[in-house]
Amino acid sequence: MKEKTKKCFCIPIFETLRKKHIKMMKKKKIGKTQVCLLHSLPVIILILVIFYFFKGQFIIALVNGKPIFRQTLIKELERQAGQKALEAIITKTLIIQKAKTQNIQISEEEINQEVKKIEESLTSQGQDLNELLKQQGMTQENLKEELRVQKIVEKIATKDIQITEDEVASFISERKDFYPEDQNPEELNQQVKNQLMEQKTGEAVQIWITTLMKEANISYWSKTYKTPIN
């Protein structure tokens, strides 16, 4: 036996009601306007039903019976953080475009290694990566996307950075009172190299992004979000 297909009887019921109303009202000799309204009855009922079941998509809160609409929240978020959010999107877009023109690719293995480092660091502090991401409204995929952009910038902006032995020696000499006298010299040198690399990386990235923004052809179609580039 063939399995009977279930049918939705919502619309037929509306149609039956409409026909009954029209038939009844015709006996009372109603006007054209009233007839049009009766024809629209099923559509109105259907809209009300949809609004009831999906009200969370339109209204996000009630304050003493007064509705707060989702659109109101969106406008307020745009007013408060829209400019910064747009800047971040523009910067990210420019970075990805630059990576394509220079054929720079970041492998999944590189990204996974970075995620692993973060996880290990957080675990050692008694924290959980997934829980922290959840608190910030992020997922691991969001994190990987951010790390990919970061690695692209590092590869482009820091490719010419070098740390010389003279720089390391000078740095240690200027801050010798801050280091223990019995610290292993090799460990100290490596520690200072890492510090200098982080410092130079931060400076190089900032300069590179500023230059990238200045050289880009960016058209703002809304004056609300237009920001001058220094």
Protein backbone atom coordinates (compact mmCIF):
# COMPACT_ATOMS: atom_id res chain seq x y z
CA MET A 1 0.00 0.00 0.00
CA LYS A 2 1.18 3.49 -0.82
CA GLU A 3 1.88 5.69 2.16
CA LYS A 4 -0.65 8.52 2.39
CA THR A 5 0.89 11.97 2.08
CA LYS A 6 -0.02 14.29 4.91
CA LYS A 7 -1.60 17.53 3.79
CA CYS A 8 -1.79 20.88 5.56
CA PHE A 9 -5.45 21.86 6.04
CA CYS A 10 -4.72 25.43 7.17
CA ILE A 11 -5.40 27.10 3.82
CA PRO A 12 -8.48 24.98 2.92
CA ILE A 13 -10.00 25.90 6.29
CA PHE A 14 -9.36 29.59 5.65
CA GLU A 15 -10.87 29.24 2.17
CA THR A 16 -13.97 27.52 3.56
CA LEU A 17 -14.44 30.27 6.14
CA ARG A 18 -14.02 32.93 3.48
CA LYS A 19 -16.60 31.35 1.20
CA LYS A 20 -19.09 31.00 4.04
CA HIS A 21 -18.61 34.63 5.02
CA ILE A 22 -19.01 35.85 1.43
CA LYS A 23 -22.12 33.74 0.95
CA MET A 24 -23.60 35.02 4.19
CA MET A 25 -22.73 38.65 3.48
CA LYS A 26 -24.08 38.50 -0.07
CA LYS A 27 -27.47 37.76 1.40
CA LYS A 28 -27.10 40.98 3.37
CA LYS A 29 -26.08 42.87 0.18
CA ILE A 30 -22.69 44.17 1.36
CA GLY A 31 -20.50 46.66 -0.57
CA LYS A 32 -17.44 46.01 -2.70
CA THR A 33 -15.03 47.22 0.01
CA GLN A 34 -16.39 44.70 2.48
CA VAL A 35 -16.12 41.93 -0.11
CA CYS A 36 -12.43 42.83 -0.69
CA LEU A 37 -11.83 42.65 3.03
CA LEU A 38 -13.42 39.22 3.16
CA HIS A 39 -11.22 38.05 0.29
CA SER A 40 -8.19 39.22 2.28
CA LEU A 41 -9.28 37.45 5.48
CA PRO A 42 -7.25 34.22 4.93
CA VAL A 43 -4.10 36.22 4.17
CA ILE A 44 -4.55 38.38 7.29
CA ILE A 45 -5.11 35.31 9.47
CA LEU A 46 -2.05 33.63 7.98
CA ILE A 47 0.12 36.72 8.64
CA LEU A 48 -1.08 36.82 12.25
CA VAL A 49 -0.30 33.12 12.71
CA ILE A 50 3.23 33.59 11.27
CA PHE A 51 3.80 36.65 13.46
CA TYR A 52 2.71 34.69 16.55
CA PHE A 53 5.06 31.77 15.97
CA PHE A 54 8.01 33.92 14.82
CA LYS A 55 7.46 36.91 17.12
CA GLY A 56 10.99 36.47 18.49
CA GLN A 57 12.31 37.51 15.09
CA PHE A 58 10.50 40.87 15.33
CA ILE A 59 10.21 41.64 19.06
CA ILE A 60 13.09 40.83 21.41
CA ALA A 61 11.69 42.10 24.71
CA LEU A 62 8.65 43.58 26.43
CA VAL A 63 9.08 46.38 28.98
CA ASN A 64 5.87 46.81 30.98
CA GLY A 65 3.98 45.66 27.92
CA LYS A 66 5.86 47.94 25.51
CA PRO A 67 7.69 45.97 22.76
CA ILE A 68 11.36 46.49 21.95
CA PHE A 69 11.77 45.65 18.27
CA ARG A 70 14.81 43.84 16.87
CA GLN A 71 15.31 46.66 14.35
CA THR A 72 15.62 49.15 17.22
CA LEU A 73 18.41 47.05 18.74
CA ILE A 74 20.22 46.77 15.40
CA LYS A 75 20.11 50.54 14.89
CA GLU A 76 21.47 51.14 18.40
CA LEU A 77 24.28 48.62 17.88
CA GLU A 78 25.16 50.32 14.61
CA ARG A 79 25.23 53.70 16.34
CA GLN A 80 27.45 52.50 19.19
CA ALA A 81 29.83 50.09 17.46
CA GLY A 82 29.07 50.25 13.75
CA GLN A 83 32.08 52.41 12.87
CA LYS A 84 34.62 50.14 14.59
CA ALA A 85 32.98 47.03 13.17
CA LEU A 86 33.12 48.45 9.64
CA GLU A 87 36.78 49.40 10.07
CA ALA A 88 37.57 45.84 11.17
CA ILE A 89 35.73 44.37 8.16
CA ILE A 90 37.48 46.74 5.74
CA THR A 91 40.91 45.94 7.22
CA LYS A 92 40.26 42.21 7.07
CA THR A 93 39.07 42.47 3.45
CA LEU A 94 42.21 44.39 2.45
CA ILE A 95 44.46 41.83 4.17
CA ILE A 96 42.81 38.91 2.38
CA GLN A 97 43.03 40.76 -0.96
CA LYS A 98 46.72 41.42 -0.36
CA ALA A 99 47.34 37.77 0.49
CA LYS A 100 45.78 36.72 -2.82
CA THR A 101 47.88 39.16 -4.87
CA GLN A 102 51.06 37.95 -3.14
CA ASN A 103 49.96 34.30 -3.25
CA ILE A 104 50.32 33.90 0.51
CA GLN A 105 48.55 30.87 1.94
CA ILE A 106 48.19 29.66 5.51
CA SER A 107 47.83 25.90 5.90
CA GLU A 108 45.36 24.21 8.22
CA GLU A 109 48.32 22.67 10.02
CA GLU A 110 49.68 26.13 10.92
CA ILE A 111 46.28 27.22 12.21
CA ASN A 112 45.77 24.03 14.22
CA GLN A 113 49.20 24.46 15.81
CA GLU A 114 48.27 27.97 16.93
CA VAL A 115 44.95 26.75 18.35
CA LYS A 116 46.82 23.99 20.21
CA LYS A 117 49.23 26.52 21.73
CA ILE A 118 46.31 28.65 22.93
CA GLU A 119 44.53 25.60 24.37
CA GLU A 120 47.66 24.45 26.23
CA SER A 121 48.30 27.94 27.60
CA LEU A 122 44.71 28.26 28.86
CA THR A 123 44.67 24.73 30.29
CA SER A 124 47.80 25.50 32.31
CA GLN A 125 45.88 28.43 33.81
CA GLY A 126 42.86 26.26 34.60
CA GLN A 127 40.72 27.70 31.80
CA ASP A 128 38.85 26.13 28.90
CA LEU A 129 39.13 27.50 25.36
CA ASN A 130 35.62 26.51 24.26
CA GLU A 131 34.09 28.10 27.36
CA LEU A 132 35.97 31.36 26.78
CA LEU A 133 34.93 31.40 23.13
CA LYS A 134 31.32 30.81 24.12
CA GLN A 135 31.44 33.75 26.54
CA GLN A 136 32.61 35.98 23.69
CA GLY A 137 30.00 34.65 21.27
CA MET A 138 32.64 32.92 19.15
CA THR A 139 33.28 29.42 17.85
CA GLN A 140 36.53 27.62 17.05
CA GLU A 141 35.88 28.37 13.37
CA ASN A 142 35.72 32.10 14.18
CA LEU A 143 38.99 31.79 16.10
CA LYS A 144 40.67 29.96 13.22
CA GLU A 145 39.53 32.68 10.81
CA GLU A 146 41.04 35.38 13.04
CA LEU A 147 44.28 33.41 13.39
CA ARG A 148 44.49 32.97 9.62
CA VAL A 149 44.28 36.74 9.08
CA GLN A 150 46.84 37.33 11.84
CA LYS A 151 49.28 34.85 10.28
CA ILE A 152 48.88 36.50 6.87
CA VAL A 153 49.76 39.90 8.35
CA GLU A 154 52.75 38.47 10.19
CA LYS A 155 54.10 36.80 7.05
CA ILE A 156 53.81 39.98 4.99
CA ALA A 157 54.69 42.67 7.52
CA THR A 158 57.47 40.90 9.42
CA LYS A 159 59.33 39.10 6.64
CA ASP A 160 62.25 41.60 6.74
CA ILE A 161 62.55 41.82 10.54
CA GLN A 162 65.91 40.75 11.95
CA ILE A 163 67.24 40.77 15.51
CA THR A 164 70.99 41.30 15.70
CA GLU A 165 73.32 40.26 18.51
CA ASP A 166 74.21 43.92 19.08
CA GLU A 167 70.55 44.75 19.67
CA VAL A 168 70.22 41.92 22.17
CA ALA A 169 73.40 42.95 24.04
CA SER A 170 72.31 46.60 24.12
CA PHE A 171 68.87 45.68 25.41
CA ILE A 172 70.33 43.53 28.21
CA SER A 173 72.90 46.19 29.13
CA GLU A 174 70.22 48.86 29.50
CA ARG A 175 68.10 46.62 31.75
CA LYS A 176 70.72 44.53 33.52
CA ASP A 177 69.33 45.47 36.95
CA PHE A 178 66.04 43.75 36.06
CA TYR A 179 67.59 40.32 35.35
CA PRO A 180 68.85 37.85 37.98
CA GLU A 181 72.63 37.60 38.12
CA ASP A 182 72.57 33.80 38.04
CA GLN A 183 70.30 33.55 34.96
CA ASN A 184 71.61 31.36 32.17
CA PRO A 185 73.09 33.67 29.44
CA GLU A 186 71.69 31.59 26.56
CA GLU A 187 68.20 31.57 28.06
CA LEU A 188 68.43 35.31 28.69
CA ASN A 189 69.51 35.98 25.10
CA GLN A 190 66.62 33.93 23.74
CA GLN A 191 64.16 35.66 26.08
CA VAL A 192 65.36 39.09 24.93
CA LYS A 193 65.23 38.04 21.26
CA ASN A 194 61.59 37.01 21.73
CA GLN A 195 60.80 40.34 23.41
CA LEU A 196 62.43 42.33 20.64
CA MET A 197 60.68 40.25 17.98
CA GLU A 198 57.28 40.88 19.58
CA GLN A 199 58.02 44.59 19.84
CA LYS A 200 59.19 44.92 16.23
CA THR A 201 56.34 42.74 14.99
CA GLY A 202 53.75 44.99 16.65
CA GLU A 203 55.32 48.11 15.17
CA ALA A 204 55.69 46.58 11.69
CA VAL A 205 52.11 45.32 11.64
CA GLN A 206 50.71 48.73 12.67
CA ILE A 207 52.74 50.54 10.00
CA TRP A 208 51.81 47.98 7.34
CA ILE A 209 48.07 48.15 8.06
CA THR A 210 48.09 51.98 8.13
CA THR A 211 49.88 52.02 4.75
CA LEU A 212 47.48 49.42 3.38
CA MET A 213 44.47 51.55 4.36
CA LYS A 214 45.98 54.73 2.88
CA GLU A 215 46.76 53.07 -0.45
CA ALA A 216 43.35 51.39 -0.76
CA ASN A 217 40.47 52.83 -2.76
CA ILE A 218 37.68 52.85 -0.17
CA SER A 219 34.31 54.46 -0.92
CA TYR A 220 31.99 55.11 2.01
CA TRP A 221 28.37 55.19 0.91
CA SER A 222 27.18 56.24 4.35
CA LYS A 223 28.60 59.33 6.10
CA THR A 224 27.71 57.73 9.43
CA TYR A 225 30.60 55.29 9.16
CA LYS A 226 33.14 57.38 7.29
CA THR A 227 36.36 57.72 9.29
CA PRO A 228 39.44 59.74 8.34
CA ILE A 229 42.63 57.74 7.81
CA ASN A 230 45.57 59.25 9.68
